[in-house]
């Protein structure tokens, strides 16, 4: 899978996201503080990763900032991106299941190495729900302007 990753800070957990995704066999394109010459700010770096996703250059995205909030807000401004700030495996599973999230937002402050692995395990094991009400909610997102 092709995954765009962004971070506004070159923190150990941000590097671990890239390393862990590659270890799992994914192709990673990095942005922000993870890529020399890129603008590091959370709004710009998250937008770059989200645009890769929306324009088909990536299958999913992982966007990171200190709290995860700013990166998720920026990513969600890009049409077609459904970024979810996940702080544990349960929220990652729910984001994939009920929200068909295609971008994972992470907090550099709160995410430890073991927690990151749990979140990624749940994220990749999760699949969108086939329930009519769940599908209707996701479809309705395109109608909200």
C-alpha atoms as a PDB file:
ATOM      1  CA  UNK A   1       0.000   0.000   0.000  1.00  0.00           C
ATOM      2  CA  UNK A   2       1.179   3.561  -0.733  1.00  0.00           C
ATOM      3  CA  UNK A   3       1.003   5.758   2.345  1.00  0.00           C
ATOM      4  CA  UNK A   4       1.741   9.486   2.583  1.00  0.00           C
ATOM      5  CA  UNK A   5       3.118  10.492   5.994  1.00  0.00           C
ATOM      6  CA  UNK A   6       3.546  13.996   7.335  1.00  0.00           C
ATOM      7  CA  UNK A   7       4.870  15.514  10.520  1.00  0.00           C
ATOM      8  CA  UNK A   8       5.560  19.068  11.542  1.00  0.00           C
ATOM      9  CA  UNK A   9       8.318  17.927  13.898  1.00  0.00           C
ATOM     10  CA  UNK A  10      11.177  15.466  13.513  1.00  0.00           C
ATOM     11  CA  UNK A  11      10.241  13.556  16.651  1.00  0.00           C
ATOM     12  CA  UNK A  12      11.188   9.915  17.351  1.00  0.00           C
ATOM     13  CA  UNK A  13       7.564   8.756  17.033  1.00  0.00           C
ATOM     14  CA  UNK A  14       7.269  10.432  13.607  1.00  0.00           C
ATOM     15  CA  UNK A  15      10.343   8.559  12.388  1.00  0.00           C
ATOM     16  CA  UNK A  16       8.962   5.392  13.954  1.00  0.00           C
ATOM     17  CA  UNK A  17       5.723   5.784  11.946  1.00  0.00           C
ATOM     18  CA  UNK A  18       7.753   5.804   8.719  1.00  0.00           C
ATOM     19  CA  UNK A  19       9.967   2.906   9.817  1.00  0.00           C
ATOM     20  CA  UNK A  20       7.061   0.804  11.071  1.00  0.00           C
ATOM     21  CA  UNK A  21       5.029   1.322   7.901  1.00  0.00           C
ATOM     22  CA  UNK A  22       8.011   0.328   5.752  1.00  0.00           C
ATOM     23  CA  UNK A  23       8.654  -2.692   7.980  1.00  0.00           C
ATOM     24  CA  UNK A  24       5.048  -3.737   7.308  1.00  0.00           C
ATOM     25  CA  UNK A  25       5.720  -3.590   3.566  1.00  0.00           C
ATOM     26  CA  UNK A  26       4.152  -0.246   2.681  1.00  0.00           C
ATOM     27  CA  UNK A  27       5.654   2.347   0.351  1.00  0.00           C
ATOM     28  CA  UNK A  28       5.986   5.640   2.226  1.00  0.00           C
ATOM     29  CA  UNK A  29       6.210   9.184   0.909  1.00  0.00           C
ATOM     30  CA  UNK A  30       7.216  11.578   3.686  1.00  0.00           C
ATOM     31  CA  UNK A  31       6.403  15.284   4.062  1.00  0.00           C
ATOM     32  CA  UNK A  32       7.164  18.166   6.384  1.00  0.00           C
ATOM     33  CA  UNK A  33       9.925  17.671   8.913  1.00  0.00           C
ATOM     34  CA  UNK A  34      10.439  14.154   7.568  1.00  0.00           C
ATOM     35  CA  UNK A  35      11.586  15.421   4.168  1.00  0.00           C
ATOM     36  CA  UNK A  36      14.493  17.755   3.526  1.00  0.00           C
ATOM     37  CA  UNK A  37      13.456  21.056   1.989  1.00  0.00           C
ATOM     38  CA  UNK A  38       9.746  20.747   2.825  1.00  0.00           C
ATOM     39  CA  UNK A  39       7.812  23.336   4.775  1.00  0.00           C
ATOM     40  CA  UNK A  40       7.464  21.817   8.245  1.00  0.00           C
ATOM     41  CA  UNK A  41       4.330  23.568   9.526  1.00  0.00           C
ATOM     42  CA  UNK A  42       1.451  21.229  10.365  1.00  0.00           C
ATOM     43  CA  UNK A  43      -1.058  22.812   7.988  1.00  0.00           C
ATOM     44  CA  UNK A  44       1.254  22.590   4.986  1.00  0.00           C
ATOM     45  CA  UNK A  45       2.722  19.168   5.705  1.00  0.00           C
ATOM     46  CA  UNK A  46      -0.657  17.565   6.442  1.00  0.00           C
ATOM     47  CA  UNK A  47      -2.139  19.160   3.325  1.00  0.00           C
ATOM     48  CA  UNK A  48       0.632  17.624   1.196  1.00  0.00           C
ATOM     49  CA  UNK A  49      -0.030  14.135   2.531  1.00  0.00           C
ATOM     50  CA  UNK A  50      -3.802  14.584   2.192  1.00  0.00           C
ATOM     51  CA  UNK A  51      -3.460  15.765  -1.410  1.00  0.00           C
ATOM     52  CA  UNK A  52      -1.445  12.642  -2.248  1.00  0.00           C
ATOM     53  CA  UNK A  53      -4.355  10.624  -0.893  1.00  0.00           C
ATOM     54  CA  UNK A  54      -7.109  12.636  -2.588  1.00  0.00           C
ATOM     55  CA  UNK A  55      -5.307  12.695  -5.939  1.00  0.00           C
ATOM     56  CA  UNK A  56      -4.580   8.959  -5.949  1.00  0.00           C
ATOM     57  CA  UNK A  57      -0.831   9.025  -5.368  1.00  0.00           C
ATOM     58  CA  UNK A  58      -1.401   7.368  -1.973  1.00  0.00           C
ATOM     59  CA  UNK A  59      -3.910   4.804  -0.735  1.00  0.00           C
ATOM     60  CA  UNK A  60      -3.914   6.192   2.808  1.00  0.00           C
ATOM     61  CA  UNK A  61      -2.226   8.914   4.830  1.00  0.00           C
ATOM     62  CA  UNK A  62      -0.835   9.350   8.324  1.00  0.00           C
ATOM     63  CA  UNK A  63      -0.608  12.947   9.502  1.00  0.00           C
ATOM     64  CA  UNK A  64       1.154  13.952  12.710  1.00  0.00           C
ATOM     65  CA  UNK A  65       1.567  17.057  14.830  1.00  0.00           C
ATOM     66  CA  UNK A  66       2.091  17.685  18.543  1.00  0.00           C
ATOM     67  CA  UNK A  67      -1.556  17.038  19.492  1.00  0.00           C
ATOM     68  CA  UNK A  68      -2.737  15.543  16.200  1.00  0.00           C
ATOM     69  CA  UNK A  69      -5.582  18.036  16.090  1.00  0.00           C
ATOM     70  CA  UNK A  70      -4.104  20.562  13.665  1.00  0.00           C
ATOM     71  CA  UNK A  71      -2.930  17.866  11.263  1.00  0.00           C
ATOM     72  CA  UNK A  72      -6.388  16.267  11.264  1.00  0.00           C
ATOM     73  CA  UNK A  73      -8.099  19.623  10.658  1.00  0.00           C
ATOM     74  CA  UNK A  74      -5.771  20.430   7.742  1.00  0.00           C
ATOM     75  CA  UNK A  75      -6.133  16.983   6.176  1.00  0.00           C
ATOM     76  CA  UNK A  76      -9.926  17.111   6.440  1.00  0.00           C
ATOM     77  CA  UNK A  77     -10.003  20.351   4.422  1.00  0.00           C
ATOM     78  CA  UNK A  78      -8.951  18.353   1.349  1.00  0.00           C
ATOM     79  CA  UNK A  79     -12.043  16.934  -0.411  1.00  0.00           C
ATOM     80  CA  UNK A  80     -12.281  13.155  -0.168  1.00  0.00           C
ATOM     81  CA  UNK A  81     -10.065  12.873   2.894  1.00  0.00           C
ATOM     82  CA  UNK A  82     -11.576  11.494   6.090  1.00  0.00           C
ATOM     83  CA  UNK A  83      -8.882  11.957   8.720  1.00  0.00           C
ATOM     84  CA  UNK A  84      -9.441  10.618  12.222  1.00  0.00           C
ATOM     85  CA  UNK A  85      -7.403  11.549  15.277  1.00  0.00           C
ATOM     86  CA  UNK A  86      -6.791   8.226  17.000  1.00  0.00           C
ATOM     87  CA  UNK A  87      -5.283   7.975  20.461  1.00  0.00           C
ATOM     88  CA  UNK A  88      -5.729   4.240  20.956  1.00  0.00           C
ATOM     89  CA  UNK A  89      -6.511   1.018  19.095  1.00  0.00           C
ATOM     90  CA  UNK A  90     -10.247   1.262  19.812  1.00  0.00           C
ATOM     91  CA  UNK A  91     -10.538   4.691  18.183  1.00  0.00           C
ATOM     92  CA  UNK A  92      -8.479   3.479  15.189  1.00  0.00           C
ATOM     93  CA  UNK A  93     -10.730   0.456  14.709  1.00  0.00           C
ATOM     94  CA  UNK A  94     -13.865   2.589  15.037  1.00  0.00           C
ATOM     95  CA  UNK A  95     -12.545   5.203  12.628  1.00  0.00           C
ATOM     96  CA  UNK A  96     -11.993   2.568   9.967  1.00  0.00           C
ATOM     97  CA  UNK A  97     -15.265   0.737  10.679  1.00  0.00           C
ATOM     98  CA  UNK A  98     -17.830   3.481  11.222  1.00  0.00           C
ATOM     99  CA  UNK A  99     -16.214   6.427   9.447  1.00  0.00           C
ATOM    100  CA  UNK A 100     -14.332   4.697   6.613  1.00  0.00           C
ATOM    101  CA  UNK A 101     -11.404   6.930   7.600  1.00  0.00           C
ATOM    102  CA  UNK A 102      -8.620   6.963   5.035  1.00  0.00           C
ATOM    103  CA  UNK A 103      -6.183   9.176   6.950  1.00  0.00           C
ATOM    104  CA  UNK A 104      -4.879   8.482  10.432  1.00  0.00           C
ATOM    105  CA  UNK A 105      -3.970  11.505  12.569  1.00  0.00           C
ATOM    106  CA  UNK A 106      -1.572  10.953  15.451  1.00  0.00           C
ATOM    107  CA  UNK A 107      -0.354  13.000  18.390  1.00  0.00           C
ATOM    108  CA  UNK A 108       3.425  13.183  18.626  1.00  0.00           C
ATOM    109  CA  UNK A 109       3.028  14.025  22.316  1.00  0.00           C
ATOM    110  CA  UNK A 110       0.744  11.175  23.349  1.00  0.00           C
ATOM    111  CA  UNK A 111       1.803   8.286  21.109  1.00  0.00           C
ATOM    112  CA  UNK A 112       4.396   5.893  22.521  1.00  0.00           C
ATOM    113  CA  UNK A 113       6.104   3.155  20.523  1.00  0.00           C
ATOM    114  CA  UNK A 114       3.921   0.314  21.890  1.00  0.00           C
ATOM    115  CA  UNK A 115       0.769   2.416  21.472  1.00  0.00           C
ATOM    116  CA  UNK A 116       1.715   3.287  17.886  1.00  0.00           C
ATOM    117  CA  UNK A 117       1.999  -0.400  17.012  1.00  0.00           C
ATOM    118  CA  UNK A 118      -1.399  -1.119  18.607  1.00  0.00           C
ATOM    119  CA  UNK A 119      -3.001   1.752  16.699  1.00  0.00           C
ATOM    120  CA  UNK A 120      -1.466   0.620  13.403  1.00  0.00           C
ATOM    121  CA  UNK A 121      -2.514  -2.986  14.032  1.00  0.00           C
ATOM    122  CA  UNK A 122      -6.121  -1.900  14.597  1.00  0.00           C
ATOM    123  CA  UNK A 123      -6.059   0.568  11.687  1.00  0.00           C
ATOM    124  CA  UNK A 124      -4.886  -2.017   9.161  1.00  0.00           C
ATOM    125  CA  UNK A 125      -7.076  -4.803  10.550  1.00  0.00           C
ATOM    126  CA  UNK A 126     -10.129  -2.544  10.371  1.00  0.00           C
ATOM    127  CA  UNK A 127     -12.442  -2.376   7.408  1.00  0.00           C
ATOM    128  CA  UNK A 128     -15.375  -0.136   6.534  1.00  0.00           C
ATOM    129  CA  UNK A 129     -18.732  -1.303   7.824  1.00  0.00           C
ATOM    130  CA  UNK A 130     -21.223  -2.650   5.342  1.00  0.00           C
ATOM    131  CA  UNK A 131     -24.171  -1.548   7.481  1.00  0.00           C
ATOM    132  CA  UNK A 132     -26.588   0.706   5.622  1.00  0.00           C
ATOM    133  CA  UNK A 133     -26.648   3.423   8.281  1.00  0.00           C
ATOM    134  CA  UNK A 134     -22.844   3.542   8.467  1.00  0.00           C
ATOM    135  CA  UNK A 135     -22.539   3.731   4.652  1.00  0.00           C
ATOM    136  CA  UNK A 136     -25.224   6.444   4.563  1.00  0.00           C
ATOM    137  CA  UNK A 137     -23.317   8.549   7.091  1.00  0.00           C
ATOM    138  CA  UNK A 138     -20.080   8.293   5.101  1.00  0.00           C
ATOM    139  CA  UNK A 139     -21.909   9.089   1.852  1.00  0.00           C
ATOM    140  CA  UNK A 140     -23.542  12.108   3.492  1.00  0.00           C
ATOM    141  CA  UNK A 141     -20.117  13.596   4.199  1.00  0.00           C
ATOM    142  CA  UNK A 142     -19.836  14.413   0.498  1.00  0.00           C
ATOM    143  CA  UNK A 143     -23.052  16.422   0.723  1.00  0.00           C
ATOM    144  CA  UNK A 144     -21.927  18.587   3.635  1.00  0.00           C
ATOM    145  CA  UNK A 145     -20.524  21.920   2.462  1.00  0.00           C
END
